[in-house]
Amino acid sequence: MNTRLKSWLLAFALSCACAGAVAGLNLMLADQANLQPAWLTRFHVACAFVGALAMTRFIQGAPAALKGETAGAIVAHGVVAATRVGAVKYVVPGKSAFFSTGRCMLIICFVLCLMVQFIQAGKSVDNTGGSPAGAGSQPRRMNT
């Protein structure tokens, strides 16, 4: 089995473990008085899987990305400000492979999936009991 397949299998296994942990926590911490909708629980589990997969692939690709070449380096020549006689060579490195668009998208995907884990459905509104706010109340005026 080659290394690329092994890394994908490891990422898939870790993602399944994270999704299982989230599913277990959703079942364990479920409040019987305020049950979450089934679609929200499935959404949490799916986002845990996708987020763990994105972070695992980001970490697994780090060594290769650090060795990647920088493309688009710019070389500029300038004059020394104090004497205006000497010339200076400036090298502005290009975008490195570590911060490529694909790797940035993996980070954004992970952060969005992590944010989803904090979504909860609130209690349903009960309009049968009690009086609505402000009903029967009189405006108060200050005496000056």
C-alpha atoms as a PDB file:
ATOM      1  CA  MET A   1       0.000   0.000   0.000  1.00  0.00           C
ATOM      2  CA  ASN A   2       1.479   3.354  -0.975  1.00  0.00           C
ATOM      3  CA  THR A   3       1.930   6.322   1.339  1.00  0.00           C
ATOM      4  CA  ARG A   4      -0.753   8.440  -0.301  1.00  0.00           C
ATOM      5  CA  LEU A   5      -3.423   5.781   0.246  1.00  0.00           C
ATOM      6  CA  LYS A   6      -2.268   5.269   3.830  1.00  0.00           C
ATOM      7  CA  SER A   7      -2.556   8.986   4.565  1.00  0.00           C
ATOM      8  CA  TRP A   8      -6.089   9.118   3.143  1.00  0.00           C
ATOM      9  CA  LEU A   9      -7.092   6.037   5.155  1.00  0.00           C
ATOM     10  CA  LEU A  10      -5.665   7.588   8.325  1.00  0.00           C
ATOM     11  CA  ALA A  11      -7.501  10.858   7.638  1.00  0.00           C
ATOM     12  CA  PHE A  12     -10.739   8.960   6.998  1.00  0.00           C
ATOM     13  CA  ALA A  13     -10.339   6.895  10.188  1.00  0.00           C
ATOM     14  CA  LEU A  14      -9.645   9.977  12.332  1.00  0.00           C
ATOM     15  CA  SER A  15     -12.623  11.756  10.784  1.00  0.00           C
ATOM     16  CA  CYS A  16     -14.881   8.794  11.549  1.00  0.00           C
ATOM     17  CA  ALA A  17     -13.621   8.782  15.136  1.00  0.00           C
ATOM     18  CA  CYS A  18     -14.362  12.502  15.538  1.00  0.00           C
ATOM     19  CA  ALA A  19     -17.812  12.110  13.987  1.00  0.00           C
ATOM     20  CA  GLY A  20     -18.502   9.195  16.339  1.00  0.00           C
ATOM     21  CA  ALA A  21     -17.405  11.242  19.333  1.00  0.00           C
ATOM     22  CA  VAL A  22     -19.696  14.097  18.339  1.00  0.00           C
ATOM     23  CA  ALA A  23     -22.604  11.695  17.817  1.00  0.00           C
ATOM     24  CA  GLY A  24     -21.977  10.161  21.231  1.00  0.00           C
ATOM     25  CA  LEU A  25     -21.781  13.561  22.913  1.00  0.00           C
ATOM     26  CA  ASN A  26     -24.997  14.670  21.216  1.00  0.00           C
ATOM     27  CA  LEU A  27     -26.760  11.576  22.545  1.00  0.00           C
ATOM     28  CA  MET A  28     -25.208  11.750  26.026  1.00  0.00           C
ATOM     29  CA  LEU A  29     -25.790  15.449  26.591  1.00  0.00           C
ATOM     30  CA  ALA A  30     -29.274  15.493  25.083  1.00  0.00           C
ATOM     31  CA  ASP A  31     -31.706  17.381  27.281  1.00  0.00           C
ATOM     32  CA  GLN A  32     -34.981  15.454  27.403  1.00  0.00           C
ATOM     33  CA  ALA A  33     -36.940  18.655  28.039  1.00  0.00           C
ATOM     34  CA  ASN A  34     -35.459  20.371  24.988  1.00  0.00           C
ATOM     35  CA  LEU A  35     -34.537  17.783  22.355  1.00  0.00           C
ATOM     36  CA  GLN A  36     -32.571  18.956  19.337  1.00  0.00           C
ATOM     37  CA  PRO A  37     -34.084  18.258  15.917  1.00  0.00           C
ATOM     38  CA  ALA A  38     -32.737  15.146  14.205  1.00  0.00           C
ATOM     39  CA  TRP A  39     -31.452  17.145  11.230  1.00  0.00           C
ATOM     40  CA  LEU A  40     -29.331  19.302  13.550  1.00  0.00           C
ATOM     41  CA  THR A  41     -27.718  16.254  15.133  1.00  0.00           C
ATOM     42  CA  ARG A  42     -26.951  14.828  11.679  1.00  0.00           C
ATOM     43  CA  PHE A  43     -25.563  18.216  10.625  1.00  0.00           C
ATOM     44  CA  HIS A  44     -23.253  18.282  13.681  1.00  0.00           C
ATOM     45  CA  VAL A  45     -21.956  14.800  12.903  1.00  0.00           C
ATOM     46  CA  ALA A  46     -21.413  15.573   9.206  1.00  0.00           C
ATOM     47  CA  CYS A  47     -19.591  18.816   9.998  1.00  0.00           C
ATOM     48  CA  ALA A  48     -17.429  17.029  12.564  1.00  0.00           C
ATOM     49  CA  PHE A  49     -16.438  14.505   9.900  1.00  0.00           C
ATOM     50  CA  VAL A  50     -15.698  17.143   7.245  1.00  0.00           C
ATOM     51  CA  GLY A  51     -13.854  19.435   9.682  1.00  0.00           C
ATOM     52  CA  ALA A  52     -11.698  16.616  11.031  1.00  0.00           C
ATOM     53  CA  LEU A  53     -10.916  15.488   7.487  1.00  0.00           C
ATOM     54  CA  ALA A  54      -9.920  19.026   6.489  1.00  0.00           C
ATOM     55  CA  MET A  55      -7.659  19.502   9.518  1.00  0.00           C
ATOM     56  CA  THR A  56      -6.071  16.064   9.117  1.00  0.00           C
ATOM     57  CA  ARG A  57      -5.291  16.715   5.462  1.00  0.00           C
ATOM     58  CA  PHE A  58      -3.894  20.155   6.377  1.00  0.00           C
ATOM     59  CA  ILE A  59      -1.553  18.622   8.952  1.00  0.00           C
ATOM     60  CA  GLN A  60      -0.555  15.735   6.698  1.00  0.00           C
ATOM     61  CA  GLY A  61       0.331  18.122   3.874  1.00  0.00           C
ATOM     62  CA  ALA A  62       2.453  20.427   6.031  1.00  0.00           C
ATOM     63  CA  PRO A  63       5.867  18.779   5.448  1.00  0.00           C
ATOM     64  CA  ALA A  64       5.460  18.777   1.675  1.00  0.00           C
ATOM     65  CA  ALA A  65       4.141  22.344   1.710  1.00  0.00           C
ATOM     66  CA  LEU A  66       7.100  23.568   3.752  1.00  0.00           C
ATOM     67  CA  LYS A  67       9.477  22.095   1.174  1.00  0.00           C
ATOM     68  CA  GLY A  68       7.518  23.615  -1.697  1.00  0.00           C
ATOM     69  CA  GLU A  69       9.094  26.261  -3.862  1.00  0.00           C
ATOM     70  CA  THR A  70       8.059  29.857  -3.751  1.00  0.00           C
ATOM     71  CA  ALA A  71       6.741  31.104  -7.032  1.00  0.00           C
ATOM     72  CA  GLY A  72       6.780  34.633  -8.285  1.00  0.00           C
ATOM     73  CA  ALA A  73       9.715  36.095  -6.377  1.00  0.00           C
ATOM     74  CA  ILE A  74      10.391  39.685  -7.371  1.00  0.00           C
ATOM     75  CA  VAL A  75      13.862  41.208  -7.514  1.00  0.00           C
ATOM     76  CA  ALA A  76      14.109  44.997  -7.389  1.00  0.00           C
ATOM     77  CA  HIS A  77      17.054  47.380  -7.383  1.00  0.00           C
ATOM     78  CA  GLY A  78      17.118  50.549  -5.362  1.00  0.00           C
ATOM     79  CA  VAL A  79      19.452  53.360  -4.445  1.00  0.00           C
ATOM     80  CA  VAL A  80      20.907  53.767  -0.964  1.00  0.00           C
ATOM     81  CA  ALA A  81      19.025  56.658   0.610  1.00  0.00           C
ATOM     82  CA  ALA A  82      21.879  58.314   2.517  1.00  0.00           C
ATOM     83  CA  THR A  83      24.573  58.462  -0.166  1.00  0.00           C
ATOM     84  CA  ARG A  84      22.593  57.910  -3.378  1.00  0.00           C
ATOM     85  CA  VAL A  85      25.692  56.204  -4.733  1.00  0.00           C
ATOM     86  CA  GLY A  86      25.287  52.534  -3.918  1.00  0.00           C
ATOM     87  CA  ALA A  87      22.670  50.187  -5.253  1.00  0.00           C
ATOM     88  CA  VAL A  88      20.687  47.717  -3.170  1.00  0.00           C
ATOM     89  CA  LYS A  89      19.038  44.566  -4.405  1.00  0.00           C
ATOM     90  CA  TYR A  90      15.643  43.789  -2.805  1.00  0.00           C
ATOM     91  CA  VAL A  91      14.144  40.308  -3.048  1.00  0.00           C
ATOM     92  CA  VAL A  92      10.441  40.045  -2.280  1.00  0.00           C
ATOM     93  CA  PRO A  93       9.526  36.380  -1.959  1.00  0.00           C
ATOM     94  CA  GLY A  94       6.389  35.156  -3.627  1.00  0.00           C
ATOM     95  CA  LYS A  95       3.546  33.244  -2.086  1.00  0.00           C
ATOM     96  CA  SER A  96       4.881  30.112  -0.439  1.00  0.00           C
ATOM     97  CA  ALA A  97       3.353  26.681  -0.945  1.00  0.00           C
ATOM     98  CA  PHE A  98       2.437  26.511   2.753  1.00  0.00           C
ATOM     99  CA  PHE A  99      -0.127  29.295   2.351  1.00  0.00           C
ATOM    100  CA  SER A 100      -1.545  28.132  -0.953  1.00  0.00           C
ATOM    101  CA  THR A 101      -5.199  28.660  -1.772  1.00  0.00           C
ATOM    102  CA  GLY A 102      -6.062  25.016  -1.202  1.00  0.00           C
ATOM    103  CA  ARG A 103      -4.475  24.942   2.238  1.00  0.00           C
ATOM    104  CA  CYS A 104      -6.200  28.194   3.219  1.00  0.00           C
ATOM    105  CA  MET A 105      -9.521  26.676   2.149  1.00  0.00           C
ATOM    106  CA  LEU A 106      -8.838  23.683   4.434  1.00  0.00           C
ATOM    107  CA  ILE A 107      -8.378  26.043   7.388  1.00  0.00           C
ATOM    108  CA  ILE A 108     -11.548  27.977   6.541  1.00  0.00           C
ATOM    109  CA  CYS A 109     -13.482  24.710   6.194  1.00  0.00           C
ATOM    110  CA  PHE A 110     -12.243  23.534   9.587  1.00  0.00           C
ATOM    111  CA  VAL A 111     -13.159  26.823  11.286  1.00  0.00           C
ATOM    112  CA  LEU A 112     -16.659  26.843   9.759  1.00  0.00           C
ATOM    113  CA  CYS A 113     -17.242  23.222  10.787  1.00  0.00           C
ATOM    114  CA  LEU A 114     -16.056  24.033  14.300  1.00  0.00           C
ATOM    115  CA  MET A 115     -18.469  26.968  14.464  1.00  0.00           C
ATOM    116  CA  VAL A 116     -21.358  24.681  13.503  1.00  0.00           C
ATOM    117  CA  GLN A 117     -20.679  22.536  16.574  1.00  0.00           C
ATOM    118  CA  PHE A 118     -21.928  25.379  18.787  1.00  0.00           C
ATOM    119  CA  ILE A 119     -25.322  25.723  17.094  1.00  0.00           C
ATOM    120  CA  GLN A 120     -28.273  24.653  19.220  1.00  0.00           C
ATOM    121  CA  ALA A 121     -32.002  24.864  18.671  1.00  0.00           C
ATOM    122  CA  GLY A 122     -33.851  26.905  21.257  1.00  0.00           C
ATOM    123  CA  LYS A 123     -37.073  26.089  23.022  1.00  0.00           C
ATOM    124  CA  SER A 124     -40.255  26.463  21.045  1.00  0.00           C
ATOM    125  CA  VAL A 125     -42.389  29.465  21.879  1.00  0.00           C
ATOM    126  CA  ASP A 126     -45.460  28.694  23.987  1.00  0.00           C
ATOM    127  CA  ASN A 127     -48.210  31.260  23.395  1.00  0.00           C
ATOM    128  CA  THR A 128     -50.903  29.415  25.362  1.00  0.00           C
ATOM    129  CA  GLY A 129     -50.008  30.583  28.857  1.00  0.00           C
ATOM    130  CA  GLY A 130     -49.232  33.915  30.402  1.00  0.00           C
ATOM    131  CA  SER A 131     -49.888  37.346  29.045  1.00  0.00           C
ATOM    132  CA  PRO A 132     -47.885  38.964  26.296  1.00  0.00           C
ATOM    133  CA  ALA A 133     -45.421  41.626  27.326  1.00  0.00           C
ATOM    134  CA  GLY A 134     -46.937  45.059  27.519  1.00  0.00           C
ATOM    135  CA  ALA A 135     -50.586  43.999  27.459  1.00  0.00           C
ATOM    136  CA  GLY A 136     -52.657  46.033  29.883  1.00  0.00           C
ATOM    137  CA  SER A 137     -49.770  48.195  30.913  1.00  0.00           C
ATOM    138  CA  GLN A 138     -50.206  51.938  31.066  1.00  0.00           C
ATOM    139  CA  PRO A 139     -47.511  54.346  29.968  1.00  0.00           C
ATOM    140  CA  ARG A 140     -45.940  56.113  32.910  1.00  0.00           C
ATOM    141  CA  ARG A 141     -45.196  59.771  32.913  1.00  0.00           C
ATOM    142  CA  MET A 142     -42.701  61.512  35.048  1.00  0.00           C
ATOM    143  CA  ASN A 143     -44.001  64.437  37.031  1.00  0.00           C
ATOM    144  CA  THR A 144     -41.774  67.446  36.872  1.00  0.00           C
END
